[in-house]
Amino acid sequence: VAWLKSHGIDVVLVDPLYTASVAGDADYN
């Protein structure tokens, strides 16, 4: 992200998918 910004490029991040099976997974969270 820092590299993109240093080249004058905007960034929008989209975080990971959700399912109930990973809701309580500490590593996934």
mmCIF file of all heavy atoms, coordinates in Angstrom:
data_MODEL
# 
_entry.id   MODEL 
# 
loop_
_atom_site.group_PDB 
_atom_site.id 
_atom_site.type_symbol 
_atom_site.label_atom_id 
_atom_site.label_alt_id 
_atom_site.label_comp_id 
_atom_site.label_asym_id 
_atom_site.label_entity_id 
_atom_site.label_seq_id 
_atom_site.pdbx_PDB_ins_code 
_atom_site.Cartn_x 
_atom_site.Cartn_y 
_atom_site.Cartn_z 
_atom_site.occupancy 
_atom_site.B_iso_or_equiv 
_atom_site.pdbx_formal_charge 
_atom_site.auth_seq_id 
_atom_site.auth_comp_id 
_atom_site.auth_asym_id 
_atom_site.auth_atom_id 
_atom_site.pdbx_PDB_model_num 
ATOM 1   N N   . VAL A 1 1  ? 0.835   -1.203  0.000  1.00 0.00 ? 1  VAL A N   1 
ATOM 2   C CA  . VAL A 1 1  ? 0.000   0.000   0.000  1.00 0.00 ? 1  VAL A CA  1 
ATOM 3   C C   . VAL A 1 1  ? 0.871   1.255   0.000  1.00 0.00 ? 1  VAL A C   1 
ATOM 4   O O   . VAL A 1 1  ? 0.588   2.228   -0.716 1.00 0.00 ? 1  VAL A O   1 
ATOM 5   C CB  . VAL A 1 1  ? -0.959  -0.006  1.205  1.00 0.00 ? 1  VAL A CB  1 
ATOM 6   C CG1 . VAL A 1 1  ? -1.670  1.337   1.333  1.00 0.00 ? 1  VAL A CG1 1 
ATOM 7   C CG2 . VAL A 1 1  ? -1.984  -1.130  1.065  1.00 0.00 ? 1  VAL A CG2 1 
ATOM 8   N N   . ALA A 1 2  ? 1.937   1.243   0.783  1.00 0.00 ? 2  ALA A N   1 
ATOM 9   C CA  . ALA A 1 2  ? 2.841   2.394   0.821  1.00 0.00 ? 2  ALA A CA  1 
ATOM 10  C C   . ALA A 1 2  ? 3.460   2.640   -0.559 1.00 0.00 ? 2  ALA A C   1 
ATOM 11  O O   . ALA A 1 2  ? 3.614   3.794   -0.985 1.00 0.00 ? 2  ALA A O   1 
ATOM 12  C CB  . ALA A 1 2  ? 3.936   2.164   1.867  1.00 0.00 ? 2  ALA A CB  1 
ATOM 13  N N   . TRP A 1 3  ? 3.802   1.561   -1.255 1.00 0.00 ? 3  TRP A N   1 
ATOM 14  C CA  . TRP A 1 3  ? 4.369   1.700   -2.601 1.00 0.00 ? 3  TRP A CA  1 
ATOM 15  C C   . TRP A 1 3  ? 3.354   2.326   -3.553 1.00 0.00 ? 3  TRP A C   1 
ATOM 16  O O   . TRP A 1 3  ? 3.682   3.234   -4.333 1.00 0.00 ? 3  TRP A O   1 
ATOM 17  C CB  . TRP A 1 3  ? 4.804   0.338   -3.123 1.00 0.00 ? 3  TRP A CB  1 
ATOM 18  C CG  . TRP A 1 3  ? 5.428   0.392   -4.483 1.00 0.00 ? 3  TRP A CG  1 
ATOM 19  C CD1 . TRP A 1 3  ? 6.730   0.630   -4.791 1.00 0.00 ? 3  TRP A CD1 1 
ATOM 20  C CD2 . TRP A 1 3  ? 4.736   0.214   -5.743 1.00 0.00 ? 3  TRP A CD2 1 
ATOM 21  N NE1 . TRP A 1 3  ? 6.905   0.617   -6.166 1.00 0.00 ? 3  TRP A NE1 1 
ATOM 22  C CE2 . TRP A 1 3  ? 5.706   0.369   -6.761 1.00 0.00 ? 3  TRP A CE2 1 
ATOM 23  C CE3 . TRP A 1 3  ? 3.418   -0.053  -6.083 1.00 0.00 ? 3  TRP A CE3 1 
ATOM 24  C CZ2 . TRP A 1 3  ? 5.385   0.252   -8.115 1.00 0.00 ? 3  TRP A CZ2 1 
ATOM 25  C CZ3 . TRP A 1 3  ? 3.092   -0.166  -7.426 1.00 0.00 ? 3  TRP A CZ3 1 
ATOM 26  C CH2 . TRP A 1 3  ? 4.057   -0.015  -8.431 1.00 0.00 ? 3  TRP A CH2 1 
ATOM 27  N N   . LEU A 1 4  ? 2.107   1.863   -3.505 1.00 0.00 ? 4  LEU A N   1 
ATOM 28  C CA  . LEU A 1 4  ? 1.072   2.437   -4.362 1.00 0.00 ? 4  LEU A CA  1 
ATOM 29  C C   . LEU A 1 4  ? 0.894   3.930   -4.081 1.00 0.00 ? 4  LEU A C   1 
ATOM 30  O O   . LEU A 1 4  ? 0.841   4.753   -5.004 1.00 0.00 ? 4  LEU A O   1 
ATOM 31  C CB  . LEU A 1 4  ? -0.245  1.704   -4.148 1.00 0.00 ? 4  LEU A CB  1 
ATOM 32  C CG  . LEU A 1 4  ? -0.316  0.273   -4.698 1.00 0.00 ? 4  LEU A CG  1 
ATOM 33  C CD1 . LEU A 1 4  ? -1.536  -0.452  -4.131 1.00 0.00 ? 4  LEU A CD1 1 
ATOM 34  C CD2 . LEU A 1 4  ? -0.362  0.268   -6.221 1.00 0.00 ? 4  LEU A CD2 1 
ATOM 35  N N   . LYS A 1 5  ? 0.799   4.287   -2.802 1.00 0.00 ? 5  LYS A N   1 
ATOM 36  C CA  . LYS A 1 5  ? 0.605   5.694   -2.446 1.00 0.00 ? 5  LYS A CA  1 
ATOM 37  C C   . LYS A 1 5  ? 1.802   6.549   -2.879 1.00 0.00 ? 5  LYS A C   1 
ATOM 38  O O   . LYS A 1 5  ? 1.620   7.686   -3.303 1.00 0.00 ? 5  LYS A O   1 
ATOM 39  C CB  . LYS A 1 5  ? 0.388   5.819   -0.944 1.00 0.00 ? 5  LYS A CB  1 
ATOM 40  C CG  . LYS A 1 5  ? -0.946  5.257   -0.463 1.00 0.00 ? 5  LYS A CG  1 
ATOM 41  C CD  . LYS A 1 5  ? -1.109  5.438   1.046  1.00 0.00 ? 5  LYS A CD  1 
ATOM 42  C CE  . LYS A 1 5  ? -1.120  6.894   1.431  1.00 0.00 ? 5  LYS A CE  1 
ATOM 43  N NZ  . LYS A 1 5  ? -1.242  7.068   2.902  1.00 0.00 ? 5  LYS A NZ  1 
ATOM 44  N N   . SER A 1 6  ? 3.002   5.991   -2.786 1.00 0.00 ? 6  SER A N   1 
ATOM 45  C CA  . SER A 1 6  ? 4.195   6.749   -3.176 1.00 0.00 ? 6  SER A CA  1 
ATOM 46  C C   . SER A 1 6  ? 4.222   7.050   -4.665 1.00 0.00 ? 6  SER A C   1 
ATOM 47  O O   . SER A 1 6  ? 4.940   7.949   -5.113 1.00 0.00 ? 6  SER A O   1 
ATOM 48  C CB  . SER A 1 6  ? 5.468   5.985   -2.772 1.00 0.00 ? 6  SER A CB  1 
ATOM 49  O OG  . SER A 1 6  ? 5.686   4.857   -3.617 1.00 0.00 ? 6  SER A OG  1 
ATOM 50  N N   . HIS A 1 7  ? 3.440   6.290   -5.441 1.00 0.00 ? 7  HIS A N   1 
ATOM 51  C CA  . HIS A 1 7  ? 3.345   6.522   -6.884 1.00 0.00 ? 7  HIS A CA  1 
ATOM 52  C C   . HIS A 1 7  ? 2.072   7.298   -7.253 1.00 0.00 ? 7  HIS A C   1 
ATOM 53  O O   . HIS A 1 7  ? 1.659   7.302   -8.418 1.00 0.00 ? 7  HIS A O   1 
ATOM 54  C CB  . HIS A 1 7  ? 3.405   5.190   -7.627 1.00 0.00 ? 7  HIS A CB  1 
ATOM 55  C CG  . HIS A 1 7  ? 4.775   4.584   -7.656 1.00 0.00 ? 7  HIS A CG  1 
ATOM 56  N ND1 . HIS A 1 7  ? 5.353   4.002   -6.543 1.00 0.00 ? 7  HIS A ND1 1 
ATOM 57  C CD2 . HIS A 1 7  ? 5.709   4.505   -8.644 1.00 0.00 ? 7  HIS A CD2 1 
ATOM 58  C CE1 . HIS A 1 7  ? 6.564   3.571   -6.849 1.00 0.00 ? 7  HIS A CE1 1 
ATOM 59  N NE2 . HIS A 1 7  ? 6.805   3.867   -8.108 1.00 0.00 ? 7  HIS A NE2 1 
ATOM 60  N N   . GLY A 1 8  ? 1.451   7.932   -6.255 1.00 0.00 ? 8  GLY A N   1 
ATOM 61  C CA  . GLY A 1 8  ? 0.297   8.780   -6.516 1.00 0.00 ? 8  GLY A CA  1 
ATOM 62  C C   . GLY A 1 8  ? -0.967  8.029   -6.865 1.00 0.00 ? 8  GLY A C   1 
ATOM 63  O O   . GLY A 1 8  ? -1.850  8.571   -7.529 1.00 0.00 ? 8  GLY A O   1 
ATOM 64  N N   . ILE A 1 9  ? -1.083  6.773   -6.399 1.00 0.00 ? 9  ILE A N   1 
ATOM 65  C CA  . ILE A 1 9  ? -2.238  5.941   -6.705 1.00 0.00 ? 9  ILE A CA  1 
ATOM 66  C C   . ILE A 1 9  ? -3.086  5.784   -5.449 1.00 0.00 ? 9  ILE A C   1 
ATOM 67  O O   . ILE A 1 9  ? -2.576  5.439   -4.375 1.00 0.00 ? 9  ILE A O   1 
ATOM 68  C CB  . ILE A 1 9  ? -1.791  4.550   -7.209 1.00 0.00 ? 9  ILE A CB  1 
ATOM 69  C CG1 . ILE A 1 9  ? -0.958  4.696   -8.484 1.00 0.00 ? 9  ILE A CG1 1 
ATOM 70  C CG2 . ILE A 1 9  ? -2.993  3.641   -7.451 1.00 0.00 ? 9  ILE A CG2 1 
ATOM 71  C CD1 . ILE A 1 9  ? -0.258  3.422   -8.891 1.00 0.00 ? 9  ILE A CD1 1 
ATOM 72  N N   . ASP A 1 10 ? -4.375  6.047   -5.566 1.00 0.00 ? 10 ASP A N   1 
ATOM 73  C CA  . ASP A 1 10 ? -5.300  5.830   -4.456 1.00 0.00 ? 10 ASP A CA  1 
ATOM 74  C C   . ASP A 1 10 ? -5.529  4.330   -4.255 1.00 0.00 ? 10 ASP A C   1 
ATOM 75  O O   . ASP A 1 10 ? -5.453  3.546   -5.199 1.00 0.00 ? 10 ASP A O   1 
ATOM 76  C CB  . ASP A 1 10 ? -6.647  6.492   -4.741 1.00 0.00 ? 10 ASP A CB  1 
ATOM 77  C CG  . ASP A 1 10 ? -6.587  8.008   -4.754 1.00 0.00 ? 10 ASP A CG  1 
ATOM 78  O OD1 . ASP A 1 10 ? -5.652  8.571   -4.162 1.00 0.00 ? 10 ASP A OD1 1 
ATOM 79  O OD2 . ASP A 1 10 ? -7.481  8.621   -5.370 1.00 0.00 ? 10 ASP A OD2 1 
ATOM 80  N N   . VAL A 1 11 ? -5.852  3.958   -3.013 1.00 0.00 ? 11 VAL A N   1 
ATOM 81  C CA  . VAL A 1 11 ? -6.099  2.552   -2.685 1.00 0.00 ? 11 VAL A CA  1 
ATOM 82  C C   . VAL A 1 11 ? -7.341  2.449   -1.809 1.00 0.00 ? 11 VAL A C   1 
ATOM 83  O O   . VAL A 1 11 ? -7.507  3.233   -0.864 1.00 0.00 ? 11 VAL A O   1 
ATOM 84  C CB  . VAL A 1 11 ? -4.909  1.924   -1.923 1.00 0.00 ? 11 VAL A CB  1 
ATOM 85  C CG1 . VAL A 1 11 ? -5.119  0.412   -1.758 1.00 0.00 ? 11 VAL A CG1 1 
ATOM 86  C CG2 . VAL A 1 11 ? -3.588  2.208   -2.617 1.00 0.00 ? 11 VAL A CG2 1 
ATOM 87  N N   . VAL A 1 12 ? -8.201  1.500   -2.133 1.00 0.00 ? 12 VAL A N   1 
ATOM 88  C CA  . VAL A 1 12 ? -9.307  1.096   -1.264 1.00 0.00 ? 12 VAL A CA  1 
ATOM 89  C C   . VAL A 1 12 ? -9.144  -0.394  -0.998 1.00 0.00 ? 12 VAL A C   1 
ATOM 90  O O   . VAL A 1 12 ? -9.042  -1.188  -1.946 1.00 0.00 ? 12 VAL A O   1 
ATOM 91  C CB  . VAL A 1 12 ? -10.681 1.362   -1.925 1.00 0.00 ? 12 VAL A CB  1 
ATOM 92  C CG1 . VAL A 1 12 ? -11.804 0.761   -1.081 1.00 0.00 ? 12 VAL A CG1 1 
ATOM 93  C CG2 . VAL A 1 12 ? -10.909 2.857   -2.120 1.00 0.00 ? 12 VAL A CG2 1 
ATOM 94  N N   . LEU A 1 13 ? -9.088  -0.777  0.265  1.00 0.00 ? 13 LEU A N   1 
ATOM 95  C CA  . LEU A 1 13 ? -8.968  -2.188  0.626  1.00 0.00 ? 13 LEU A CA  1 
ATOM 96  C C   . LEU A 1 13 ? -10.348 -2.778  0.916  1.00 0.00 ? 13 LEU A C   1 
ATOM 97  O O   . LEU A 1 13 ? -11.216 -2.110  1.479  1.00 0.00 ? 13 LEU A O   1 
ATOM 98  C CB  . LEU A 1 13 ? -8.073  -2.361  1.853  1.00 0.00 ? 13 LEU A CB  1 
ATOM 99  C CG  . LEU A 1 13 ? -6.600  -1.977  1.691  1.00 0.00 ? 13 LEU A CG  1 
ATOM 100 C CD1 . LEU A 1 13 ? -5.840  -2.232  2.999  1.00 0.00 ? 13 LEU A CD1 1 
ATOM 101 C CD2 . LEU A 1 13 ? -5.939  -2.731  0.544  1.00 0.00 ? 13 LEU A CD2 1 
ATOM 102 N N   . VAL A 1 14 ? -10.520 -4.046  0.540  1.00 0.00 ? 14 VAL A N   1 
ATOM 103 C CA  . VAL A 1 14 ? -11.729 -4.815  0.839  1.00 0.00 ? 14 VAL A CA  1 
ATOM 104 C C   . VAL A 1 14 ? -11.284 -6.020  1.653  1.00 0.00 ? 14 VAL A C   1 
ATOM 105 O O   . VAL A 1 14 ? -10.528 -6.862  1.164  1.00 0.00 ? 14 VAL A O   1 
ATOM 106 C CB  . VAL A 1 14 ? -12.438 -5.279  -0.449 1.00 0.00 ? 14 VAL A CB  1 
ATOM 107 C CG1 . VAL A 1 14 ? -13.721 -6.031  -0.115 1.00 0.00 ? 14 VAL A CG1 1 
ATOM 108 C CG2 . VAL A 1 14 ? -12.726 -4.093  -1.370 1.00 0.00 ? 14 VAL A CG2 1 
ATOM 109 N N   . ASP A 1 15 ? -11.722 -6.116  2.905  1.00 0.00 ? 15 ASP A N   1 
ATOM 110 C CA  . ASP A 1 15 ? -11.195 -7.167  3.781  1.00 0.00 ? 15 ASP A CA  1 
ATOM 111 C C   . ASP A 1 15 ? -11.833 -8.535  3.488  1.00 0.00 ? 15 ASP A C   1 
ATOM 112 O O   . ASP A 1 15 ? -12.703 -8.647  2.613  1.00 0.00 ? 15 ASP A O   1 
ATOM 113 C CB  . ASP A 1 15 ? -11.272 -6.752  5.249  1.00 0.00 ? 15 ASP A CB  1 
ATOM 114 C CG  . ASP A 1 15 ? -12.685 -6.665  5.802  1.00 0.00 ? 15 ASP A CG  1 
ATOM 115 O OD1 . ASP A 1 15 ? -13.621 -7.202  5.182  1.00 0.00 ? 15 ASP A OD1 1 
ATOM 116 O OD2 . ASP A 1 15 ? -12.862 -6.064  6.884  1.00 0.00 ? 15 ASP A OD2 1 
ATOM 117 N N   . PRO A 1 16 ? -11.411 -9.607  4.171  1.00 0.00 ? 16 PRO A N   1 
ATOM 118 C CA  . PRO A 1 16 ? -11.809 -10.962 3.786  1.00 0.00 ? 16 PRO A CA  1 
ATOM 119 C C   . PRO A 1 16 ? -13.300 -11.255 3.873  1.00 0.00 ? 16 PRO A C   1 
ATOM 120 O O   . PRO A 1 16 ? -14.074 -10.552 4.525  1.00 0.00 ? 16 PRO A O   1 
ATOM 121 C CB  . PRO A 1 16 ? -11.022 -11.846 4.764  1.00 0.00 ? 16 PRO A CB  1 
ATOM 122 C CG  . PRO A 1 16 ? -9.827  -11.045 5.126  1.00 0.00 ? 16 PRO A CG  1 
ATOM 123 C CD  . PRO A 1 16 ? -10.330 -9.623  5.176  1.00 0.00 ? 16 PRO A CD  1 
ATOM 124 N N   . LEU A 1 17 ? -13.677 -12.355 3.215  1.00 0.00 ? 17 LEU A N   1 
ATOM 125 C CA  . LEU A 1 17 ? -15.047 -12.852 3.253  1.00 0.00 ? 17 LEU A CA  1 
ATOM 126 C C   . LEU A 1 17 ? -15.418 -13.345 4.648  1.00 0.00 ? 17 LEU A C   1 
ATOM 127 O O   . LEU A 1 17 ? -14.543 -13.738 5.436  1.00 0.00 ? 17 LEU A O   1 
ATOM 128 C CB  . LEU A 1 17 ? -15.211 -14.002 2.260  1.00 0.00 ? 17 LEU A CB  1 
ATOM 129 C CG  . LEU A 1 17 ? -15.191 -13.647 0.781  1.00 0.00 ? 17 LEU A CG  1 
ATOM 130 C CD1 . LEU A 1 17 ? -15.069 -14.914 -0.059 1.00 0.00 ? 17 LEU A CD1 1 
ATOM 131 C CD2 . LEU A 1 17 ? -16.450 -12.886 0.400  1.00 0.00 ? 17 LEU A CD2 1 
ATOM 132 N N   . TYR A 1 18 ? -16.708 -13.361 4.904  1.00 0.00 ? 18 TYR A N   1 
ATOM 133 C CA  . TYR A 1 18 ? -17.244 -13.884 6.166  1.00 0.00 ? 18 TYR A CA  1 
ATOM 134 C C   . TYR A 1 18 ? -18.076 -15.131 5.917  1.00 0.00 ? 18 TYR A C   1 
ATOM 135 O O   . TYR A 1 18 ? -18.844 -15.202 4.958  1.00 0.00 ? 18 TYR A O   1 
ATOM 136 C CB  . TYR A 1 18 ? -18.139 -12.838 6.837  1.00 0.00 ? 18 TYR A CB  1 
ATOM 137 C CG  . TYR A 1 18 ? -19.019 -13.418 7.921  1.00 0.00 ? 18 TYR A CG  1 
ATOM 138 C CD1 . TYR A 1 18 ? -18.541 -13.562 9.222  1.00 0.00 ? 18 TYR A CD1 1 
ATOM 139 C CD2 . TYR A 1 18 ? -20.317 -13.861 7.632  1.00 0.00 ? 18 TYR A CD2 1 
ATOM 140 C CE1 . TYR A 1 18 ? -19.344 -14.112 10.217 1.00 0.00 ? 18 TYR A CE1 1 
ATOM 141 C CE2 . TYR A 1 18 ? -21.121 -14.404 8.618  1.00 0.00 ? 18 TYR A CE2 1 
ATOM 142 C CZ  . TYR A 1 18 ? -20.628 -14.541 9.908  1.00 0.00 ? 18 TYR A CZ  1 
ATOM 143 O OH  . TYR A 1 18 ? -21.422 -15.091 10.885 1.00 0.00 ? 18 TYR A OH  1 
ATOM 144 N N   . THR A 1 19 ? -17.915 -16.127 6.770  1.00 0.00 ? 19 THR A N   1 
ATOM 145 C CA  . THR A 1 19 ? -18.896 -17.194 6.943  1.00 0.00 ? 19 THR A CA  1 
ATOM 146 C C   . THR A 1 19 ? -18.927 -17.519 8.429  1.00 0.00 ? 19 THR A C   1 
ATOM 147 O O   . THR A 1 19 ? -17.973 -17.231 9.167  1.00 0.00 ? 19 THR A O   1 
ATOM 148 C CB  . THR A 1 19 ? -18.561 -18.488 6.169  1.00 0.00 ? 19 THR A CB  1 
ATOM 149 O OG1 . THR A 1 19 ? -17.454 -19.152 6.797  1.00 0.00 ? 19 THR A OG1 1 
ATOM 150 C CG2 . THR A 1 19 ? -18.231 -18.211 4.721  1.00 0.00 ? 19 THR A CG2 1 
ATOM 151 N N   . ALA A 1 20 ? -20.019 -18.131 8.865  1.00 0.00 ? 20 ALA A N   1 
ATOM 152 C CA  . ALA A 1 20 ? -20.136 -18.490 10.276 1.00 0.00 ? 20 ALA A CA  1 
ATOM 153 C C   . ALA A 1 20 ? -19.032 -19.444 10.693 1.00 0.00 ? 20 ALA A C   1 
ATOM 154 O O   . ALA A 1 20 ? -18.609 -19.460 11.852 1.00 0.00 ? 20 ALA A O   1 
ATOM 155 C CB  . ALA A 1 20 ? -21.504 -19.113 10.544 1.00 0.00 ? 20 ALA A CB  1 
ATOM 156 N N   . SER A 1 21 ? -18.516 -20.228 9.744  1.00 0.00 ? 21 SER A N   1 
ATOM 157 C CA  . SER A 1 21 ? -17.492 -21.221 10.070 1.00 0.00 ? 21 SER A CA  1 
ATOM 158 C C   . SER A 1 21 ? -16.173 -20.583 10.470 1.00 0.00 ? 21 SER A C   1 
ATOM 159 O O   . SER A 1 21 ? -15.342 -21.223 11.122 1.00 0.00 ? 21 SER A O   1 
ATOM 160 C CB  . SER A 1 21 ? -17.270 -22.155 8.876  1.00 0.00 ? 21 SER A CB  1 
ATOM 161 O OG  . SER A 1 21 ? -16.783 -21.436 7.759  1.00 0.00 ? 21 SER A OG  1 
ATOM 162 N N   . VAL A 1 22 ? -15.940 -19.320 10.086 1.00 0.00 ? 22 VAL A N   1 
ATOM 163 C CA  . VAL A 1 22 ? -14.678 -18.660 10.442 1.00 0.00 ? 22 VAL A CA  1 
ATOM 164 C C   . VAL A 1 22 ? -14.886 -17.527 11.446 1.00 0.00 ? 22 VAL A C   1 
ATOM 165 O O   . VAL A 1 22 ? -13.920 -16.886 11.856 1.00 0.00 ? 22 VAL A O   1 
ATOM 166 C CB  . VAL A 1 22 ? -13.968 -18.101 9.188  1.00 0.00 ? 22 VAL A CB  1 
ATOM 167 C CG1 . VAL A 1 22 ? -13.641 -19.221 8.201  1.00 0.00 ? 22 VAL A CG1 1 
ATOM 168 C CG2 . VAL A 1 22 ? -14.796 -17.016 8.507  1.00 0.00 ? 22 VAL A CG2 1 
ATOM 169 N N   . ALA A 1 23 ? -16.132 -17.284 11.834 1.00 0.00 ? 23 ALA A N   1 
ATOM 170 C CA  . ALA A 1 23 ? -16.420 -16.149 12.712 1.00 0.00 ? 23 ALA A CA  1 
ATOM 171 C C   . ALA A 1 23 ? -15.633 -16.209 14.016 1.00 0.00 ? 23 ALA A C   1 
ATOM 172 O O   . ALA A 1 23 ? -15.214 -15.176 14.538 1.00 0.00 ? 23 ALA A O   1 
ATOM 173 C CB  . ALA A 1 23 ? -17.909 -16.059 12.996 1.00 0.00 ? 23 ALA A CB  1 
ATOM 174 N N   . GLY A 1 24 ? -15.440 -17.407 14.547 1.00 0.00 ? 24 GLY A N   1 
ATOM 175 C CA  . GLY A 1 24 ? -14.713 -17.548 15.801 1.00 0.00 ? 24 GLY A CA  1 
ATOM 176 C C   . GLY A 1 24 ? -13.284 -18.017 15.646 1.00 0.00 ? 24 GLY A C   1 
ATOM 177 O O   . GLY A 1 24 ? -12.623 -18.339 16.642 1.00 0.00 ? 24 GLY A O   1 
ATOM 178 N N   . ASP A 1 25 ? -12.783 -18.054 14.421 1.00 0.00 ? 25 ASP A N   1 
ATOM 179 C CA  . ASP A 1 25 ? -11.422 -18.523 14.158 1.00 0.00 ? 25 ASP A CA  1 
ATOM 180 C C   . ASP A 1 25 ? -10.437 -17.394 14.448 1.00 0.00 ? 25 ASP A C   1 
ATOM 181 O O   . ASP A 1 25 ? -10.419 -16.374 13.756 1.00 0.00 ? 25 ASP A O   1 
ATOM 182 C CB  . ASP A 1 25 ? -11.315 -18.979 12.697 1.00 0.00 ? 25 ASP A CB  1 
ATOM 183 C CG  . ASP A 1 25 ? -9.976  -19.626 12.375 1.00 0.00 ? 25 ASP A CG  1 
ATOM 184 O OD1 . ASP A 1 25 ? -8.943  -18.978 12.622 1.00 0.00 ? 25 ASP A OD1 1 
ATOM 185 O OD2 . ASP A 1 25 ? -9.973  -20.760 11.864 1.00 0.00 ? 25 ASP A OD2 1 
ATOM 186 N N   . ALA A 1 26 ? -9.604  -17.574 15.451 1.00 0.00 ? 26 ALA A N   1 
ATOM 187 C CA  . ALA A 1 26 ? -8.706  -16.502 15.889 1.00 0.00 ? 26 ALA A CA  1 
ATOM 188 C C   . ALA A 1 26 ? -7.724  -16.105 14.803 1.00 0.00 ? 26 ALA A C   1 
ATOM 189 O O   . ALA A 1 26 ? -7.465  -14.910 14.581 1.00 0.00 ? 26 ALA A O   1 
ATOM 190 C CB  . ALA A 1 26 ? -7.958  -16.933 17.148 1.00 0.00 ? 26 ALA A CB  1 
ATOM 191 N N   . ASP A 1 27 ? -7.154  -17.087 14.098 1.00 0.00 ? 27 ASP A N   1 
ATOM 192 C CA  . ASP A 1 27 ? -6.175  -16.773 13.055 1.00 0.00 ? 27 ASP A CA  1 
ATOM 193 C C   . ASP A 1 27 ? -6.829  -16.020 11.893 1.00 0.00 ? 27 ASP A C   1 
ATOM 194 O O   . ASP A 1 27 ? -6.256  -15.072 11.351 1.00 0.00 ? 27 ASP A O   1 
ATOM 195 C CB  . ASP A 1 27 ? -5.515  -18.052 12.548 1.00 0.00 ? 27 ASP A CB  1 
ATOM 196 C CG  . ASP A 1 27 ? -4.598  -18.680 13.587 1.00 0.00 ? 27 ASP A CG  1 
ATOM 197 O OD1 . ASP A 1 27 ? -4.067  -17.932 14.437 1.00 0.00 ? 27 ASP A OD1 1 
ATOM 198 O OD2 . ASP A 1 27 ? -4.414  -19.906 13.559 1.00 0.00 ? 27 ASP A OD2 1 
ATOM 199 N N   . TYR A 1 28 ? -8.020  -16.454 11.502 1.00 0.00 ? 28 TYR A N   1 
ATOM 200 C CA  . TYR A 1 28 ? -8.726  -15.769 10.415 1.00 0.00 ? 28 TYR A CA  1 
ATOM 201 C C   . TYR A 1 28 ? -9.019  -14.330 10.815 1.00 0.00 ? 28 TYR A C   1 
ATOM 202 O O   . TYR A 1 28 ? -8.814  -13.393 10.027 1.00 0.00 ? 28 TYR A O   1 
ATOM 203 C CB  . TYR A 1 28 ? -10.032 -16.517 10.105 1.00 0.00 ? 28 TYR A CB  1 
ATOM 204 C CG  . TYR A 1 28 ? -10.666 -16.136 8.788  1.00 0.00 ? 28 TYR A CG  1 
ATOM 205 C CD1 . TYR A 1 28 ? -10.517 -16.944 7.663  1.00 0.00 ? 28 TYR A CD1 1 
ATOM 206 C CD2 . TYR A 1 28 ? -11.436 -14.979 8.661  1.00 0.00 ? 28 TYR A CD2 1 
ATOM 207 C CE1 . TYR A 1 28 ? -11.105 -16.603 6.448  1.00 0.00 ? 28 TYR A CE1 1 
ATOM 208 C CE2 . TYR A 1 28 ? -12.021 -14.629 7.456  1.00 0.00 ? 28 TYR A CE2 1 
ATOM 209 C CZ  . TYR A 1 28 ? -11.854 -15.445 6.352  1.00 0.00 ? 28 TYR A CZ  1 
ATOM 210 O OH  . TYR A 1 28 ? -12.432 -15.095 5.157  1.00 0.00 ? 28 TYR A OH  1 
ATOM 211 N N   . ASN A 1 29 ? -9.481  -14.136 12.038 1.00 0.00 ? 29 ASN A N   1 
ATOM 212 C CA  . ASN A 1 29 ? -9.796  -12.792 12.502 1.00 0.00 ? 29 ASN A CA  1 
ATOM 213 C C   . ASN A 1 29 ? -8.563  -11.909 12.623 1.00 0.00 ? 29 ASN A C   1 
ATOM 214 O O   . ASN A 1 29 ? -8.665  -10.687 12.477 1.00 0.00 ? 29 ASN A O   1 
ATOM 215 C CB  . ASN A 1 29 ? -10.539 -12.861 13.836 1.00 0.00 ? 29 ASN A CB  1 
ATOM 216 C CG  . ASN A 1 29 ? -12.021 -13.136 13.658 1.00 0.00 ? 29 ASN A CG  1 
ATOM 217 O OD1 . ASN A 1 29 ? -12.821 -12.222 13.511 1.00 0.00 ? 29 ASN A OD1 1 
ATOM 218 N ND2 . ASN A 1 29 ? -12.401 -14.419 13.667 1.00 0.00 ? 29 ASN A ND2 1 
# 
